[in-house]
Amino acid sequence: MVFKQFRFNIVLRVLLLAATCLVLFITLSSTYTFTPILVVGLIIYQVWSMIKYVDRTNRELASFLESIRYSEFTRSFQISDNSSSFNELNAAFNDVMKDFQQVRSEREEHFHYLQSIVQNIDISILAYQRDGTVEMINPAAKKLFQVNTLKDINKLRTLSEQLANTLLAMNPGENKLVKVQDEEDILQLAIFATEFKVKEKVIMLTTIKNIQSVLEEQETAVWQKLIRVLTHEIMNSIAPISSLSSTIESMLKPYTTGEKSTPEIDLETLNEIKGALQTINKRSTGLMDFVETYRSLTKIPTPNFEVVSMREIIQNVHRLMKKEVQEKNVTLLSDTEPEMIELHVDEKLIEQVLINLVKNSVQALEGIKDGRIHIRGYYNKRGRPSIQVSDNGQGILKDVIDRIFIPFFTTKRSGSGIGLSLSRQILRLHGGSITAQSVPDQETIFTMTF
C-alpha cells in the first residue's frame, strides 16, 4: 500500500509537471511576458518539491537500514507532516523496529541465561583454540586450576604437563582421564571435548570434572563386596574344621591321660595326634580371628556427627600418643592455624584415623636419628579444612604409594593391611578424602581433607 501511494504521488507530480510545461509553451506565444515567468517559477517549484519528496523517502529508508546495521532498535520513525504519504511507511518501519527489539531482547535473555549457567555450574568449562589460546574459562575451572585468569593452555604445565598435553591433543568427542598431583591434593580429571567454529576460528570446548571422590567410593564399594564374599566363604569352611578338631581332641583325651589303653594305639602316637589336632584347632581359631579382623572393614559404625574443634582433636591425639612416641626417641609436634577451625565430624572416628597415622609414622622412624612427627591443622588453598601427619622417616616407594590404601596390602611384616583402607573409608563417610605423598628417606605426608 505504501509503495502504491508513493507511485501514485510520483505519477501525479510528473503529470502536473508535464501539464505545467504545456502551459508554458502556450503562454510563450502570449503577449503577456509576466505569465511565462510565473509558469517557469511553478515548474521550478514542482521539480524542487518532487526532488525533496524522493530525497525524504531515501533518507527515511537509509536511516532505517542504518538502524538495522548498527542495531539501534530504540529509534522511532515519524514525520510531522500529517498530509504526508509516508505515515504508513513510518508505521511499518516502527513495527519492524519493535520486532527487532523483541528478538534482540529475547536473544540477550538467552545469552544471560546461558552465561549464568556457565558461570554457576560446578563443572569446569574451558574453551580454547588449537594453538592453546583460551577463549573462555568459567569460575569452576578457575577454582579447580587455582588461577585468576588463563590466557594460554600451556600455562597449566606448572600444574601438570600431562594435563596441558592432553587438552592440546584432544579430538572432538573424546573422553580422557588425567591424574594430577597438586601438592597434597590428588585430582582425577574426567575430560570431554567437542569442537565448533566461530568467525573462522576453530574452538575446542571441554568440560572437566574431578571424579576422585567418585572413584574412591566405587573402589571402596568393590572391596567391601569382595570382603563380604571372602569372609562368608572362609567362615563357612573354617567353622566345621575347628569344631571337628576340638571333638577329636576330646575323644582322644582319655587315651593320652592313661584312663584307657589299647594295644593298637600307643601313647606316643596318641600324643602326636593330640598335638597335631591342637595345632589344627589353634590355627583354625587364629584364622577365624584373622577373618573377623578383616570383617571390620565392612562394619564401620555410622558416624555420629557433631561440631568439634580441630585444635581439640589434634591436642587429644597429641596427649594420647606423646608417651609412646617419646619412648621411641621421636619428637611429636602439633599446631593448628587458625586455631578456631571447626569440623562437622565423628570425633572418635577421626581420632582413630589420626592415631593410626601417628603409629605408622612411629614405625617408619625406627632406626632414624632425630625422628620427627608433625600433626598440622589448617585450611588448604581451596579453603577446605585439612589435617596433615608428616614424618621424616624412611618413606614409601613410588610404585607402592598408589596401593597403600588397598585392603590387605601392607609393606610391614606384622601388618594386616587394613589400617589405611579403614582410614579412607572413615574419611569417605565424612565426605572427605585422605591422600599420601612421600619422598623416600626425606618426608612422608598423609593429608586428611574434609
Protein backbone atom coordinates (compact mmCIF):
# COMPACT_ATOMS: atom_id res chain seq x y z
CA MET A 1 0.00 0.00 0.00
CA VAL A 2 2.85 2.37 0.87
CA PHE A 3 4.58 1.79 -2.43
CA LYS A 4 1.30 2.26 -4.36
CA GLN A 5 0.85 5.65 -2.70
CA PHE A 6 4.46 6.56 -3.46
CA ARG A 7 3.99 5.60 -7.13
CA PHE A 8 0.70 7.49 -7.34
CA ASN A 9 2.33 10.63 -5.91
CA ILE A 10 5.25 10.43 -8.35
CA VAL A 11 2.95 9.86 -11.35
CA LEU A 12 0.70 12.72 -10.26
CA ARG A 13 3.63 15.08 -9.82
CA VAL A 14 5.06 14.10 -13.23
CA LEU A 15 1.66 14.71 -14.91
CA LEU A 16 1.31 18.08 -13.19
CA LEU A 17 4.84 18.96 -14.27
CA ALA A 18 4.05 17.93 -17.87
CA ALA A 19 0.85 19.96 -17.80
CA THR A 20 2.69 22.99 -16.48
CA CYS A 21 5.31 22.64 -19.23
CA LEU A 22 2.48 22.54 -21.79
CA VAL A 23 1.05 25.68 -20.28
CA LEU A 24 4.49 27.26 -20.57
CA PHE A 25 4.62 26.59 -24.34
CA ILE A 26 1.15 28.05 -24.74
CA THR A 27 1.98 31.18 -22.77
CA LEU A 28 5.20 31.77 -24.72
CA SER A 29 3.08 32.95 -27.67
CA SER A 30 1.16 35.25 -25.37
CA THR A 31 1.70 38.99 -25.37
CA TYR A 32 1.96 38.94 -21.57
CA THR A 33 5.60 38.37 -20.54
CA PHE A 34 4.72 38.01 -16.88
CA THR A 35 2.68 34.85 -17.39
CA PRO A 36 5.57 32.66 -18.78
CA ILE A 37 7.78 33.79 -15.93
CA LEU A 38 5.13 32.73 -13.46
CA VAL A 39 4.76 29.34 -15.16
CA VAL A 40 8.55 28.82 -15.16
CA GLY A 41 8.61 29.52 -11.42
CA LEU A 42 5.82 26.99 -10.92
CA ILE A 43 7.80 24.39 -12.89
CA ILE A 44 10.90 25.04 -10.79
CA TYR A 45 8.85 24.63 -7.59
CA GLN A 46 7.33 21.36 -8.82
CA VAL A 47 10.75 19.95 -9.71
CA TRP A 48 12.16 21.02 -6.35
CA SER A 49 9.16 19.56 -4.50
CA MET A 50 9.48 16.20 -6.31
CA ILE A 51 13.22 16.02 -5.61
CA LYS A 52 12.57 16.80 -1.94
CA TYR A 53 9.84 14.16 -1.84
CA VAL A 54 12.15 11.48 -3.26
CA ASP A 55 15.08 12.56 -1.07
CA ARG A 56 12.91 12.34 2.01
CA THR A 57 11.98 8.78 1.09
CA ASN A 58 15.63 7.88 0.56
CA ARG A 59 16.65 9.45 3.88
CA GLU A 60 13.96 7.55 5.78
CA LEU A 61 14.95 4.29 4.15
CA ALA A 62 18.66 4.91 4.67
CA SER A 63 18.07 5.80 8.30
CA PHE A 64 16.04 2.63 8.77
CA LEU A 65 18.75 0.46 7.22
CA GLU A 66 21.46 2.13 9.30
CA SER A 67 19.46 1.43 12.44
CA ILE A 68 19.33 -2.24 11.49
CA ARG A 69 23.02 -2.25 10.58
CA TYR A 70 24.12 -0.76 13.92
CA SER A 71 21.40 -2.47 15.99
CA GLU A 72 19.87 0.87 17.04
CA PHE A 73 16.44 -0.51 17.71
CA THR A 74 15.44 2.25 20.15
CA ARG A 75 14.73 4.76 17.36
CA SER A 76 11.27 5.56 16.02
CA PHE A 77 10.33 6.97 12.62
CA GLN A 78 7.82 9.78 12.40
CA ILE A 79 7.26 12.72 10.04
CA SER A 80 5.31 15.64 11.46
CA ASP A 81 3.58 16.41 8.18
CA ASN A 82 0.14 14.86 8.65
CA SER A 83 -0.57 15.06 4.96
CA SER A 84 2.48 13.05 4.07
CA SER A 85 2.02 9.70 2.37
CA PHE A 86 4.93 8.39 4.48
CA ASN A 87 2.84 7.82 7.61
CA GLU A 88 2.14 4.21 6.66
CA LEU A 89 5.79 3.66 5.76
CA ASN A 90 6.86 5.10 9.12
CA ALA A 91 4.38 2.85 10.89
CA ALA A 92 5.78 -0.17 9.04
CA PHE A 93 9.34 0.85 9.93
CA ASN A 94 8.38 1.27 13.59
CA ASP A 95 6.71 -2.16 13.64
CA VAL A 96 9.86 -3.72 12.21
CA MET A 97 11.92 -1.94 14.88
CA LYS A 98 9.68 -3.29 17.62
CA ASP A 99 10.07 -6.81 16.22
CA PHE A 100 13.84 -6.40 16.15
CA GLN A 101 13.77 -5.05 19.72
CA GLN A 102 11.83 -8.10 20.86
CA VAL A 103 14.16 -10.51 19.05
CA ARG A 104 17.20 -8.75 20.48
CA SER A 105 15.70 -8.76 23.97
CA GLU A 106 14.97 -12.48 23.76
CA ARG A 107 18.47 -13.14 22.42
CA GLU A 108 20.02 -11.17 25.28
CA GLU A 109 17.86 -13.02 27.80
CA HIS A 110 19.01 -16.35 26.35
CA PHE A 111 22.61 -15.16 26.40
CA HIS A 112 22.40 -14.07 30.05
CA TYR A 113 20.64 -17.34 30.91
CA LEU A 114 23.37 -19.45 29.31
CA GLN A 115 26.06 -17.21 30.77
CA SER A 116 24.54 -17.66 34.24
CA ILE A 117 24.59 -21.44 33.79
CA VAL A 118 28.20 -21.44 32.61
CA GLN A 119 29.28 -19.14 35.45
CA ASN A 120 27.49 -21.03 38.23
CA ILE A 121 27.68 -24.67 37.17
CA ASP A 122 30.09 -26.75 39.27
CA ILE A 123 31.58 -28.41 36.18
CA SER A 124 34.71 -26.76 34.82
CA ILE A 125 34.30 -25.42 31.26
CA LEU A 126 37.23 -24.39 29.10
CA ALA A 127 37.11 -23.07 25.50
CA TYR A 128 40.35 -22.62 23.57
CA GLN A 129 41.85 -22.62 20.10
CA ARG A 130 44.09 -25.33 18.75
CA ASP A 131 47.19 -23.24 19.44
CA GLY A 132 46.24 -23.10 23.13
CA THR A 133 44.75 -19.58 23.20
CA VAL A 134 41.98 -19.62 25.80
CA GLU A 135 38.70 -18.02 24.69
CA MET A 136 36.67 -18.65 27.85
CA ILE A 137 37.15 -20.16 31.31
CA ASN A 138 34.37 -20.33 33.89
CA PRO A 139 34.76 -19.82 37.69
CA ALA A 140 34.61 -23.58 38.39
CA ALA A 141 37.64 -24.13 36.14
CA LYS A 142 39.50 -21.21 37.76
CA LYS A 143 38.86 -22.74 41.17
CA LEU A 144 39.90 -26.20 40.01
CA PHE A 145 43.17 -24.96 38.50
CA GLN A 146 43.69 -22.29 41.19
CA VAL A 147 44.10 -19.42 38.70
CA ASN A 148 42.57 -15.96 38.45
CA THR A 149 42.93 -15.78 34.67
CA LEU A 150 44.12 -18.18 31.98
CA LYS A 151 45.17 -16.94 28.56
CA ASP A 152 47.03 -20.00 27.30
CA ILE A 153 46.63 -23.73 27.92
CA ASN A 154 50.42 -24.03 28.20
CA LYS A 155 50.24 -22.08 31.48
CA LEU A 156 48.74 -25.24 33.00
CA ARG A 157 52.08 -27.01 32.60
CA THR A 158 53.08 -25.65 36.01
CA LEU A 159 50.20 -27.72 37.42
CA SER A 160 50.59 -30.80 35.19
CA GLU A 161 52.45 -31.44 31.94
CA GLN A 162 50.15 -34.34 31.20
CA LEU A 163 47.03 -32.19 31.62
CA ALA A 164 48.27 -29.49 29.22
CA ASN A 165 49.38 -32.07 26.62
CA THR A 166 46.06 -33.91 26.87
CA LEU A 167 44.00 -30.74 26.36
CA LEU A 168 46.04 -29.70 23.32
CA ALA A 169 45.79 -33.17 21.77
CA MET A 170 42.08 -33.72 22.43
CA ASN A 171 39.88 -34.66 19.48
CA PRO A 172 36.15 -33.89 19.23
CA GLY A 173 34.03 -36.49 21.04
CA GLU A 174 36.96 -37.90 23.03
CA ASN A 175 36.90 -38.71 26.74
CA LYS A 176 40.14 -38.66 28.70
CA LEU A 177 41.05 -39.38 32.32
CA VAL A 178 44.03 -37.47 33.73
CA LYS A 179 45.52 -37.84 37.20
CA VAL A 180 47.01 -34.66 38.65
CA GLN A 181 49.05 -34.44 41.87
CA ASP A 182 48.54 -30.89 43.15
CA GLU A 183 50.69 -30.72 46.28
CA GLU A 184 48.62 -32.60 48.89
CA ASP A 185 45.57 -32.99 46.63
CA ILE A 186 45.07 -35.72 44.05
CA LEU A 187 42.76 -34.79 41.17
CA GLN A 188 41.26 -37.41 38.89
CA LEU A 189 40.03 -35.29 35.98
CA ALA A 190 37.47 -36.63 33.51
CA ILE A 191 37.70 -34.53 30.32
CA PHE A 192 35.23 -34.45 27.42
CA ALA A 193 35.81 -32.36 24.29
CA THR A 194 33.69 -31.03 21.43
CA GLU A 195 34.53 -28.67 18.60
CA PHE A 196 32.76 -25.77 16.83
CA LYS A 197 33.64 -22.83 14.57
CA VAL A 198 33.13 -19.13 15.35
CA LYS A 199 34.15 -16.49 12.77
CA GLU A 200 36.60 -18.80 11.00
CA LYS A 201 38.13 -19.79 14.36
CA VAL A 202 38.01 -23.45 15.40
CA ILE A 203 37.16 -23.60 19.10
CA MET A 204 37.63 -26.65 21.31
CA LEU A 205 35.11 -26.76 24.16
CA THR A 206 35.99 -29.09 27.04
CA THR A 207 34.19 -30.00 30.24
CA ILE A 208 36.38 -31.09 33.13
CA LYS A 209 35.15 -32.86 36.26
CA ASN A 210 37.15 -34.00 39.27
CA ILE A 211 35.89 -37.54 39.91
CA GLN A 212 38.42 -38.51 42.59
CA SER A 213 35.74 -38.96 45.25
CA VAL A 214 33.55 -41.00 42.87
CA LEU A 215 36.43 -43.34 42.04
CA GLU A 216 37.25 -43.77 45.72
CA GLU A 217 33.64 -44.59 46.54
CA GLN A 218 33.47 -47.17 43.75
CA GLU A 219 36.79 -48.68 44.80
CA THR A 220 35.63 -48.91 48.40
CA ALA A 221 32.31 -50.49 47.39
CA VAL A 222 34.07 -53.12 45.27
CA TRP A 223 36.47 -54.06 48.07
CA GLN A 224 33.67 -54.23 50.62
CA LYS A 225 31.73 -56.59 48.39
CA LEU A 226 34.81 -58.77 47.92
CA ILE A 227 35.47 -58.85 51.64
CA ARG A 228 31.89 -59.86 52.44
CA VAL A 229 32.12 -62.76 49.98
CA LEU A 230 35.52 -63.88 51.31
CA THR A 231 34.52 -63.74 54.95
CA HIS A 232 31.31 -65.67 54.26
CA GLU A 233 33.07 -68.43 52.38
CA ILE A 234 36.08 -68.70 54.69
CA MET A 235 33.96 -68.72 57.82
CA ASN A 236 31.79 -71.50 56.39
CA SER A 237 34.92 -73.58 55.76
CA ILE A 238 36.80 -72.94 58.97
CA ALA A 239 33.98 -73.35 61.49
CA PRO A 240 33.49 -77.12 60.87
CA ILE A 241 37.25 -77.73 60.97
CA SER A 242 37.53 -76.02 64.32
CA SER A 243 34.58 -77.93 65.72
CA LEU A 244 35.83 -81.28 64.40
CA SER A 245 39.36 -80.84 65.72
CA SER A 246 38.01 -79.96 69.15
CA THR A 247 35.78 -83.07 69.14
CA ILE A 248 38.61 -85.40 68.16
CA GLU A 249 40.80 -83.89 70.85
CA SER A 250 38.12 -84.67 73.44
CA MET A 251 37.74 -88.25 72.19
CA LEU A 252 41.46 -88.95 72.38
CA LYS A 253 41.98 -87.26 75.74
CA PRO A 254 41.17 -90.45 77.83
CA TYR A 255 43.85 -92.38 75.99
CA THR A 256 46.51 -89.73 76.36
CA THR A 257 45.85 -89.35 80.08
CA GLY A 258 46.08 -93.13 80.70
CA GLU A 259 42.45 -93.60 81.61
CA LYS A 260 42.08 -96.08 78.74
CA SER A 261 44.58 -98.08 76.82
CA THR A 262 44.60 -100.19 73.69
CA PRO A 263 47.35 -102.22 72.11
CA GLU A 264 46.53 -100.82 68.71
CA ILE A 265 47.49 -97.21 69.57
CA ASP A 266 50.49 -96.44 71.76
CA LEU A 267 50.73 -93.37 73.94
CA GLU A 268 53.39 -91.65 71.85
CA THR A 269 51.25 -91.84 68.72
CA LEU A 270 48.27 -90.54 70.55
CA ASN A 271 50.32 -87.61 71.85
CA GLU A 272 51.38 -86.79 68.32
CA ILE A 273 47.80 -86.94 67.14
CA LYS A 274 46.78 -84.75 70.00
CA GLY A 275 49.50 -82.23 69.23
CA ALA A 276 48.50 -82.17 65.59
CA LEU A 277 44.87 -81.70 66.44
CA GLN A 278 45.74 -78.96 68.91
CA THR A 279 47.70 -77.24 66.19
CA ILE A 280 44.80 -77.53 63.77
CA ASN A 281 42.42 -76.18 66.38
CA LYS A 282 44.73 -73.32 67.26
CA ARG A 283 45.32 -72.43 63.64
CA SER A 284 41.66 -72.59 62.70
CA THR A 285 40.80 -70.38 65.65
CA GLY A 286 43.51 -67.98 64.59
CA LEU A 287 42.12 -67.92 61.07
CA MET A 288 38.68 -67.15 62.41
CA ASP A 289 40.11 -64.23 64.38
CA PHE A 290 42.01 -63.18 61.28
CA VAL A 291 38.85 -63.18 59.17
CA GLU A 292 36.92 -61.39 61.90
CA THR A 293 39.53 -58.65 61.84
CA TYR A 294 39.02 -58.14 58.10
CA ARG A 295 35.30 -58.25 58.58
CA SER A 296 35.64 -54.97 60.48
CA LEU A 297 36.25 -53.29 57.10
CA THR A 298 32.56 -53.71 56.32
CA LYS A 299 31.36 -52.88 59.84
CA ILE A 300 32.45 -49.29 60.30
CA PRO A 301 29.88 -47.65 62.57
CA THR A 302 27.75 -44.85 61.18
CA PRO A 303 29.43 -41.56 62.16
CA ASN A 304 27.83 -39.59 64.98
CA PHE A 305 28.35 -36.11 63.54
CA GLU A 306 28.86 -33.11 65.76
CA VAL A 307 30.65 -29.78 65.53
CA VAL A 308 34.07 -30.09 67.16
CA SER A 309 37.25 -28.04 67.27
CA MET A 310 40.04 -29.30 65.04
CA ARG A 311 42.55 -27.99 67.57
CA GLU A 312 40.99 -30.11 70.36
CA ILE A 313 41.10 -33.28 68.23
CA ILE A 314 44.77 -32.75 67.43
CA GLN A 315 45.62 -31.96 71.07
CA ASN A 316 43.78 -35.10 72.27
CA VAL A 317 45.79 -37.28 69.89
CA HIS A 318 48.97 -35.47 70.91
CA ARG A 319 48.34 -36.26 74.60
CA LEU A 320 47.43 -39.89 73.86
CA MET A 321 50.48 -40.59 71.72
CA LYS A 322 53.06 -38.40 73.46
CA LYS A 323 54.38 -41.06 75.85
CA GLU A 324 54.57 -43.82 73.24
CA VAL A 325 56.34 -41.51 70.80
CA GLN A 326 58.86 -40.30 73.40
CA GLU A 327 59.73 -43.90 74.29
CA LYS A 328 60.84 -44.32 70.68
CA ASN A 329 63.01 -41.16 70.93
CA VAL A 330 60.81 -39.34 68.43
CA THR A 331 59.71 -35.70 68.65
CA LEU A 332 55.97 -35.10 68.31
CA LEU A 333 54.83 -31.63 67.21
CA SER A 334 51.33 -30.30 66.63
CA ASP A 335 49.73 -27.00 65.74
CA THR A 336 46.54 -25.57 64.22
CA GLU A 337 46.37 -22.37 62.19
CA PRO A 338 43.96 -20.70 62.58
CA GLU A 339 43.03 -22.09 65.96
CA MET A 340 39.27 -21.67 65.52
CA ILE A 341 38.78 -24.23 62.71
CA GLU A 342 35.66 -26.31 63.35
CA LEU A 343 34.72 -29.66 61.84
CA HIS A 344 31.39 -31.46 61.49
CA VAL A 345 32.66 -34.99 62.16
CA ASP A 346 32.58 -38.01 64.43
CA GLU A 347 35.36 -37.09 66.85
CA LYS A 348 36.15 -40.68 67.91
CA LEU A 349 36.48 -41.96 64.34
CA ILE A 350 38.72 -39.07 63.27
CA GLU A 351 40.90 -39.54 66.34
CA GLN A 352 41.15 -43.23 65.45
CA VAL A 353 42.44 -42.32 61.99
CA LEU A 354 44.97 -39.85 63.42
CA ILE A 355 46.23 -42.36 65.98
CA ASN A 356 46.70 -44.94 63.23
CA LEU A 357 48.66 -42.45 61.11
CA VAL A 358 50.88 -41.45 64.04
CA LYS A 359 51.60 -45.11 64.85
CA ASN A 360 52.52 -45.72 61.22
CA SER A 361 54.92 -42.77 61.40
CA VAL A 362 56.49 -44.14 64.59
CA GLN A 363 57.15 -47.46 62.85
CA ALA A 364 58.56 -45.66 59.81
CA LEU A 365 61.02 -43.79 62.08
CA GLU A 366 62.62 -46.92 63.56
CA GLY A 367 66.38 -46.52 63.34
CA ILE A 368 66.10 -42.87 62.26
CA LYS A 369 68.04 -40.29 64.27
CA ASP A 370 66.23 -37.06 65.14
CA GLY A 371 62.91 -38.59 64.18
CA ARG A 372 60.08 -36.09 63.96
CA ILE A 373 56.30 -36.34 63.59
CA HIS A 374 54.24 -33.24 62.90
CA ILE A 375 50.43 -33.02 63.13
CA ARG A 376 49.19 -29.85 61.45
CA GLY A 377 45.67 -28.43 61.10
CA TYR A 378 44.97 -25.74 58.52
CA TYR A 379 42.83 -24.57 55.58
CA ASN A 380 44.21 -25.73 52.24
CA LYS A 381 44.41 -23.41 49.22
CA ARG A 382 40.88 -24.41 48.19
CA GLY A 383 39.57 -23.32 51.58
CA ARG A 384 38.89 -26.84 52.87
CA PRO A 385 39.79 -27.88 56.45
CA SER A 386 42.74 -30.28 56.39
CA ILE A 387 44.92 -32.22 58.84
CA GLN A 388 48.40 -33.40 57.90
CA VAL A 389 50.55 -36.02 59.60
CA SER A 390 54.14 -35.85 58.36
CA ASP A 391 57.37 -37.57 59.37
CA ASN A 392 60.99 -37.69 58.21
CA GLY A 393 61.18 -41.47 58.15
CA GLN A 394 62.15 -44.00 55.52
CA GLY A 395 59.22 -43.06 53.28
CA ILE A 396 57.19 -45.01 50.75
CA LEU A 397 58.42 -46.07 47.32
CA LYS A 398 56.74 -44.53 44.27
CA ASP A 399 55.47 -47.87 42.92
CA VAL A 400 53.96 -48.72 46.31
CA ILE A 401 52.27 -45.47 47.34
CA ASP A 402 49.31 -45.95 44.96
CA ARG A 403 48.48 -49.29 46.60
CA ILE A 404 48.77 -48.49 50.30
CA PHE A 405 45.02 -47.81 50.63
CA ILE A 406 44.04 -51.16 49.10
CA PRO A 407 42.69 -53.66 51.68
CA PHE A 408 45.18 -56.40 52.68
CA PHE A 409 48.12 -54.61 51.06
CA THR A 410 50.97 -53.95 53.52
CA THR A 411 54.72 -53.45 53.50
CA LYS A 412 55.05 -54.41 57.18
CA ARG A 413 55.94 -57.88 58.34
CA SER A 414 53.33 -57.82 61.09
CA GLY A 415 50.81 -55.54 59.38
CA SER A 416 47.29 -56.60 58.47
CA GLY A 417 46.88 -54.14 55.60
CA ILE A 418 43.53 -52.77 56.76
CA GLY A 419 44.53 -49.66 58.75
CA LEU A 420 44.86 -47.22 55.86
CA SER A 421 41.95 -48.76 53.99
CA LEU A 422 39.83 -48.33 57.11
CA SER A 423 41.02 -44.72 57.40
CA ARG A 424 40.00 -43.97 53.83
CA GLN A 425 36.54 -45.43 54.41
CA ILE A 426 36.10 -43.32 57.54
CA LEU A 427 37.05 -40.17 55.60
CA ARG A 428 34.65 -41.13 52.80
CA LEU A 429 31.83 -41.43 55.36
CA HIS A 430 32.67 -37.84 56.32
CA GLY A 431 32.59 -36.67 52.70
CA GLY A 432 36.36 -36.16 52.74
CA SER A 433 39.49 -37.84 51.46
CA ILE A 434 42.93 -38.98 52.56
CA THR A 435 46.00 -38.83 50.33
CA ALA A 436 49.67 -39.66 50.67
CA GLN A 437 52.87 -38.08 49.40
CA SER A 438 56.37 -39.37 50.03
CA VAL A 439 59.98 -38.67 49.18
CA PRO A 440 61.91 -41.76 50.39
CA ASP A 441 64.31 -41.04 53.26
CA GLN A 442 63.14 -37.40 53.40
CA GLU A 443 59.47 -36.90 54.16
CA THR A 444 56.13 -38.66 54.11
CA ILE A 445 52.87 -36.70 54.37
CA PHE A 446 49.35 -38.03 54.90
CA THR A 447 46.66 -35.40 54.34
CA MET A 448 43.08 -35.65 55.58
CA THR A 449 40.77 -33.22 53.76
CA PHE A 450 37.21 -32.52 54.91
